[in-house]
Protein backbone atom coordinates (compact mmCIF):
# COMPACT_ATOMS: atom_id res chain seq x y z
CA UNK A 1 -79.20 -5.86 27.50
CA UNK A 2 -79.67 -3.40 24.65
CA UNK A 3 -78.01 -5.76 22.19
CA UNK A 4 -80.22 -8.65 23.31
CA UNK A 5 -83.38 -6.58 22.98
CA UNK A 6 -82.30 -5.33 19.54
CA UNK A 7 -81.63 -8.87 18.33
CA UNK A 8 -84.89 -10.02 19.88
CA UNK A 9 -86.83 -7.29 18.06
CA UNK A 10 -85.11 -8.21 14.81
CA UNK A 11 -86.03 -11.89 15.22
CA UNK A 12 -89.66 -10.98 15.95
CA UNK A 13 -90.01 -8.77 12.89
CA UNK A 14 -90.95 -11.49 10.37
CA UNK A 15 -93.73 -13.18 12.43
CA UNK A 16 -95.05 -9.81 13.60
CA UNK A 17 -95.21 -8.68 9.98
CA UNK A 18 -97.18 -11.82 9.14
CA UNK A 19 -99.59 -11.17 12.02
CA UNK A 20 -100.00 -7.55 10.92
CA UNK A 21 -100.67 -8.71 7.37
CA UNK A 22 -103.37 -11.08 8.61
CA UNK A 23 -105.03 -8.35 10.67
CA UNK A 24 -104.97 -5.87 7.78
CA UNK A 25 -106.42 -8.48 5.41
CA UNK A 26 -109.33 -9.12 7.79
CA UNK A 27 -109.88 -5.40 8.29
CA UNK A 28 -109.95 -4.97 4.51
CA UNK A 29 -112.59 -7.69 4.23
CA UNK A 30 -114.78 -5.86 6.72
CA UNK A 31 -114.44 -2.65 4.72
CA UNK A 32 -115.00 -4.26 1.32
CA UNK A 33 -118.08 -6.21 2.41
CA UNK A 34 -120.43 -3.82 4.23
CA UNK A 35 -123.38 -6.10 3.41
CA UNK A 36 -122.11 -8.59 6.01
CA UNK A 37 -123.20 -7.92 9.58
CA UNK A 38 -120.09 -8.07 11.77
CA UNK A 39 -122.23 -8.73 14.87
CA UNK A 40 -124.17 -11.73 13.59
CA UNK A 41 -122.05 -13.10 10.71
CA UNK A 42 -118.79 -14.96 11.14
CA UNK A 43 -115.69 -13.89 9.25
CA UNK A 44 -115.54 -17.29 7.56
CA UNK A 45 -118.45 -16.27 5.29
CA UNK A 46 -116.42 -13.41 3.82
CA UNK A 47 -114.62 -15.92 1.60
CA UNK A 48 -117.70 -15.63 -0.65
CA UNK A 49 -117.66 -11.85 -0.69
CA UNK A 50 -115.57 -9.19 -2.40
CA UNK A 51 -111.87 -10.13 -2.39
CA UNK A 52 -112.74 -13.28 -0.49
CA UNK A 53 -109.23 -14.64 -1.11
CA UNK A 54 -108.02 -12.29 1.61
CA UNK A 55 -109.51 -14.58 4.28
CA UNK A 56 -107.46 -17.72 3.51
CA UNK A 57 -104.44 -15.46 2.94
CA UNK A 58 -104.91 -13.99 6.42
CA UNK A 59 -105.29 -17.41 8.03
CA UNK A 60 -102.19 -18.71 6.25
CA UNK A 61 -100.21 -15.68 7.44
CA UNK A 62 -101.28 -16.28 11.04
CA UNK A 63 -100.56 -20.02 10.75
CA UNK A 64 -97.05 -19.25 9.45
CA UNK A 65 -96.37 -16.81 12.28
CA UNK A 66 -97.62 -19.38 14.79
CA UNK A 67 -95.36 -22.03 13.27
CA UNK A 68 -92.36 -19.74 13.74
CA UNK A 69 -93.43 -19.14 17.34
CA UNK A 70 -93.74 -22.87 18.07
CA UNK A 71 -90.27 -23.50 16.64
CA UNK A 72 -88.70 -20.66 18.59
CA UNK A 73 -90.22 -21.78 21.87
CA UNK A 74 -88.03 -24.88 21.61
CA UNK A 75 -88.24 -28.34 23.13
CA UNK A 76 -87.53 -26.99 26.62
CA UNK A 77 -90.90 -25.23 26.79
CA UNK A 78 -93.84 -26.88 28.55
CA UNK A 79 -94.75 -29.79 26.29
CA UNK A 80 -98.53 -29.55 26.47
CA UNK A 81 -98.53 -25.81 25.97
CA UNK A 82 -96.41 -26.13 22.86
CA UNK A 83 -98.61 -29.01 21.64
CA UNK A 84 -101.72 -26.82 22.04
CA UNK A 85 -100.00 -24.12 20.01
CA UNK A 86 -99.29 -26.67 17.25
CA UNK A 87 -102.99 -27.69 17.27
CA UNK A 88 -103.97 -24.02 16.90
CA UNK A 89 -101.57 -23.67 13.97
CA UNK A 90 -102.85 -26.81 12.24
CA UNK A 91 -106.45 -25.69 12.76
CA UNK A 92 -105.76 -22.30 11.16
CA UNK A 93 -104.08 -24.01 8.21
CA UNK A 94 -106.96 -26.44 7.60
CA UNK A 95 -109.54 -23.65 8.01
CA UNK A 96 -107.68 -21.67 5.34
CA UNK A 97 -107.70 -24.57 2.88
CA UNK A 98 -111.38 -25.55 3.34
CA UNK A 99 -113.78 -22.62 2.81
CA UNK A 100 -116.95 -22.16 4.79
CA UNK A 101 -120.38 -22.17 3.16
CA UNK A 102 -122.13 -18.93 2.12
CA UNK A 103 -124.37 -17.24 4.71
CA UNK A 104 -127.62 -19.00 5.60
CA UNK A 105 -126.40 -22.59 5.48
CA UNK A 106 -126.15 -23.37 9.20
CA UNK A 107 -128.68 -26.22 9.02
CA UNK A 108 -127.30 -27.99 5.92
CA UNK A 109 -123.50 -27.68 5.93
CA UNK A 110 -121.31 -29.03 3.13
CA UNK A 111 -118.28 -31.25 3.76
CA UNK A 112 -116.00 -28.26 3.30
CA UNK A 113 -118.03 -26.29 5.87
CA UNK A 114 -117.82 -29.14 8.38
CA UNK A 115 -114.05 -29.45 7.96
CA UNK A 116 -113.58 -25.68 8.15
CA UNK A 117 -115.84 -25.26 11.16
CA UNK A 118 -114.37 -28.12 13.17
CA UNK A 119 -110.81 -27.06 12.39
CA UNK A 120 -111.52 -23.46 13.36
CA UNK A 121 -113.26 -24.42 16.59
CA UNK A 122 -110.43 -26.80 17.51
CA UNK A 123 -107.97 -23.98 16.90
CA UNK A 124 -110.04 -21.55 18.98
CA UNK A 125 -110.12 -24.07 21.83
CA UNK A 126 -106.39 -24.80 21.59
CA UNK A 127 -105.11 -21.21 21.68
CA UNK A 128 -106.45 -20.26 25.13
CA UNK A 129 -105.17 -23.61 26.39
CA UNK A 130 -101.71 -22.76 25.06
CA UNK A 131 -101.98 -19.25 26.51
CA UNK A 132 -102.75 -20.57 30.00
CA UNK A 133 -99.99 -23.18 29.91
CA UNK A 134 -97.30 -20.94 28.42
CA UNK A 135 -98.08 -17.67 30.19
CA UNK A 136 -95.60 -18.24 33.03
CA UNK A 137 -92.78 -19.30 30.75
CA UNK A 138 -93.20 -16.35 28.41
CA UNK A 139 -93.61 -13.85 31.25
CA UNK A 140 -90.37 -15.11 32.79
CA UNK A 141 -88.56 -14.25 29.55
CA UNK A 142 -90.10 -10.77 29.30
CA UNK A 143 -91.41 -9.70 32.74
CA UNK A 144 -92.60 -6.42 31.27
CA UNK A 145 -95.21 -8.33 29.27
CA UNK A 146 -96.61 -10.27 32.23
CA UNK A 147 -99.67 -8.06 32.74
CA UNK A 148 -100.51 -7.89 29.04
CA UNK A 149 -100.06 -11.66 28.60
CA UNK A 150 -102.32 -12.32 31.59
CA UNK A 151 -104.98 -9.90 30.31
CA UNK A 152 -105.02 -11.40 26.81
CA UNK A 153 -105.04 -14.92 28.21
CA UNK A 154 -108.11 -14.09 30.30
CA UNK A 155 -109.75 -12.37 27.32
CA UNK A 156 -109.09 -15.38 25.08
CA UNK A 157 -110.55 -17.85 27.60
CA UNK A 158 -113.64 -15.71 28.24
CA UNK A 159 -114.33 -14.87 24.59
CA UNK A 160 -113.85 -18.48 23.51
CA UNK A 161 -116.36 -19.68 26.10
CA UNK A 162 -118.87 -17.10 24.84
CA UNK A 163 -118.25 -18.12 21.23
CA UNK A 164 -118.89 -21.77 22.09
CA UNK A 165 -122.26 -20.86 23.59
CA UNK A 166 -123.32 -18.83 20.54
CA UNK A 167 -122.10 -21.48 18.08
CA UNK A 168 -124.02 -24.24 19.83
CA UNK A 169 -127.08 -22.01 19.87
CA UNK A 170 -126.81 -21.22 16.15
CA UNK A 171 -126.30 -24.85 15.15
CA UNK A 172 -129.13 -26.09 17.35
CA UNK A 173 -132.05 -24.94 15.23
CA UNK A 174 -131.00 -21.42 14.34
CA UNK A 175 -130.15 -18.06 15.96
CA UNK A 176 -131.91 -17.19 19.19
CA UNK A 177 -129.39 -15.61 21.58
CA UNK A 178 -129.58 -12.19 19.97
CA UNK A 179 -129.92 -8.62 21.14
CA UNK A 180 -132.63 -6.28 19.94
CA UNK A 181 -133.01 -6.75 16.19
CA UNK A 182 -129.80 -8.80 15.90
CA UNK A 183 -130.59 -12.54 15.69
CA UNK A 184 -127.27 -13.74 17.17
CA UNK A 185 -124.01 -12.31 18.51
CA UNK A 186 -121.86 -15.14 17.15
CA UNK A 187 -120.01 -12.83 14.75
CA UNK A 188 -119.12 -10.36 17.50
CA UNK A 189 -117.97 -13.17 19.80
CA UNK A 190 -115.76 -14.61 17.04
CA UNK A 191 -114.15 -11.24 16.37
CA UNK A 192 -113.40 -10.80 20.07
CA UNK A 193 -111.76 -14.25 20.08
CA UNK A 194 -109.69 -13.37 17.02
CA UNK A 195 -108.57 -10.06 18.51
CA UNK A 196 -107.51 -11.68 21.79
CA UNK A 197 -105.81 -14.64 20.10
CA UNK A 198 -103.89 -12.60 17.54
CA UNK A 199 -102.82 -10.17 20.25
CA UNK A 200 -101.57 -13.04 22.42
CA UNK A 201 -99.64 -14.56 19.51
CA UNK A 202 -97.96 -11.20 18.85
CA UNK A 203 -96.88 -10.82 22.50
CA UNK A 204 -95.71 -14.43 22.62
CA UNK A 205 -93.58 -13.83 19.50
CA UNK A 206 -91.84 -10.91 21.23
CA UNK A 207 -91.24 -12.94 24.40
CA UNK A 208 -90.03 -15.97 22.43
CA UNK A 209 -87.58 -13.74 20.59
CA UNK A 210 -85.99 -12.82 23.91
CA UNK A 211 -85.85 -16.50 24.89
CA UNK A 212 -84.20 -17.45 21.60
CA UNK A 213 -81.58 -14.71 21.91
CA UNK A 214 -80.75 -15.73 25.49
CA UNK A 215 -80.20 -19.26 24.25
CA UNK A 216 -77.77 -17.99 21.61
CA UNK A 217 -75.93 -15.93 24.21
CA UNK A 218 -75.46 -18.98 26.45
CA UNK A 219 -74.21 -21.07 23.54
CA UNK A 220 -71.85 -18.29 22.52
């Protein structure tokens, strides 16, 4: 058991490092761009701020980690859950390659903004779908993660639903669902989605590492 867990941890190291790199890059963007309001402004706009290259770098790191996860889950995993994970990965990749517009361009988006926004929203919709469909399979591989996987799955579904409401509100004539002096909470909702989704990917990587090692043990 110890050997399996050690090998599993070793196999998870690379994708977990990529996820950690993505998280640190986004945290650095928040620190380097205090002029952006993290409650009302989406992270996508930071590409136009100080060290804006960190945003596509973070998305590419997450997409790479997700690709590794999809490969390690293998063909025996639930097909639609794995397909949703691939859609999430592709969405992150496209969102990284097509930058969003600067702040204040909700009503007149460029082609790059439309591609970025649609890819990101498709990814945000796909991840909770994958989480729901794959939760049982992953929990069976690492029962100790069952509670955490369930909690992050619920958080991803709830936060994504909230983000959809705020995005529709923002695009339909401008911010209105705000709080106090804040015009919209779309930025906060997006950050909650990102936190839940990245956390789920990290746990899934650990569980998939155990699955992969068990497969090697059976073949050996």
